[in-house]
Every structure is written in C-alpha cells, then in structure tokens.
Amino acid sequence: MGDDGPVEGRGEQIQRAEREAARQRLLAQAEAERIPAEETTRAVPDRRWRRGQR
C-alpha cells in the first residue's frame, strides 16, 4: 500500500465542516452577548461606605 500521506475521507470532511459551523455559531453568540468595555469600566461614585468615618 503506497499511501503518500493521510487521506481525508468524506466523514472527516463532514466532521470538520460541522466543527467549523459550531465554532462560528459560538463566536456569533459570544459577540451578541458581549458587553462593551466602556460600559463595564464606568466609574460610579459610591461613598456610602465612608459615612461612618467622618
């Protein structure tokens, strides 16, 4: 048998395509649920904890 390298069968091609499709769905979902950094790092003054220190 003179195999010159790995031969990808139809099943492997289908699995690779399904993995890529799943990866794209996950990336799209993550992007849709992403919260921009500007919204998560906005400082909100909260001095309630200092009330008893004055």
Protein backbone atom coordinates (compact mmCIF):
# COMPACT_ATOMS: atom_id res chain seq x y z
CA MET A 1 0.00 0.00 0.00
CA GLY A 2 1.63 3.20 -1.15
CA ASP A 3 -0.07 5.89 0.90
CA ASP A 4 1.80 9.15 0.43
CA GLY A 5 0.06 10.85 3.37
CA PRO A 6 -3.19 10.99 5.27
CA VAL A 7 -6.23 10.81 3.04
CA GLU A 8 -9.26 12.62 4.40
CA GLY A 9 -12.47 10.68 3.94
CA ARG A 10 -15.94 12.03 3.47
CA GLY A 11 -16.76 11.52 7.17
CA GLU A 12 -13.77 13.59 8.27
CA GLN A 13 -14.72 16.36 5.85
CA ILE A 14 -18.25 16.46 7.25
CA GLN A 15 -16.99 16.49 10.85
CA ARG A 16 -14.56 19.30 10.08
CA ALA A 17 -17.33 21.33 8.43
CA GLU A 18 -19.64 20.73 11.41
CA ARG A 19 -16.93 21.78 13.88
CA GLU A 20 -16.29 24.97 11.92
CA ALA A 21 -20.02 25.74 11.76
CA ALA A 22 -20.32 25.19 15.53
CA ARG A 23 -17.30 27.43 16.10
CA GLN A 24 -18.86 30.19 14.01
CA ARG A 25 -22.16 29.90 15.93
CA LEU A 26 -20.32 30.17 19.26
CA LEU A 27 -18.36 33.20 18.10
CA ALA A 28 -21.54 34.89 16.84
CA GLN A 29 -23.34 34.17 20.13
CA ALA A 30 -20.41 35.47 22.18
CA GLU A 31 -20.27 38.65 20.12
CA ALA A 32 -24.03 39.17 20.51
CA GLU A 33 -23.77 38.79 24.31
CA ARG A 34 -20.61 40.87 24.65
CA ILE A 35 -20.75 43.94 26.87
CA PRO A 36 -18.54 46.79 25.65
CA ALA A 37 -15.63 47.55 27.96
CA GLU A 38 -16.74 51.18 28.23
CA GLU A 39 -19.91 50.01 29.98
CA THR A 40 -18.15 47.70 32.41
CA THR A 41 -15.42 50.11 33.49
CA ARG A 42 -17.54 53.21 34.04
CA ALA A 43 -16.84 54.57 37.50
CA VAL A 44 -19.85 55.21 39.68
CA PRO A 45 -19.16 57.25 42.80
CA ASP A 46 -20.32 55.34 45.84
CA ARG A 47 -19.31 56.95 49.11
CA ARG A 48 -21.85 55.21 51.32
CA TRP A 49 -19.08 53.17 52.97
CA ARG A 50 -17.45 56.41 54.21
CA ARG A 51 -20.49 57.71 56.12
CA GLY A 52 -19.30 56.49 59.50
CA GLN A 53 -15.70 57.70 59.02
CA ARG A 54 -16.25 61.47 59.24
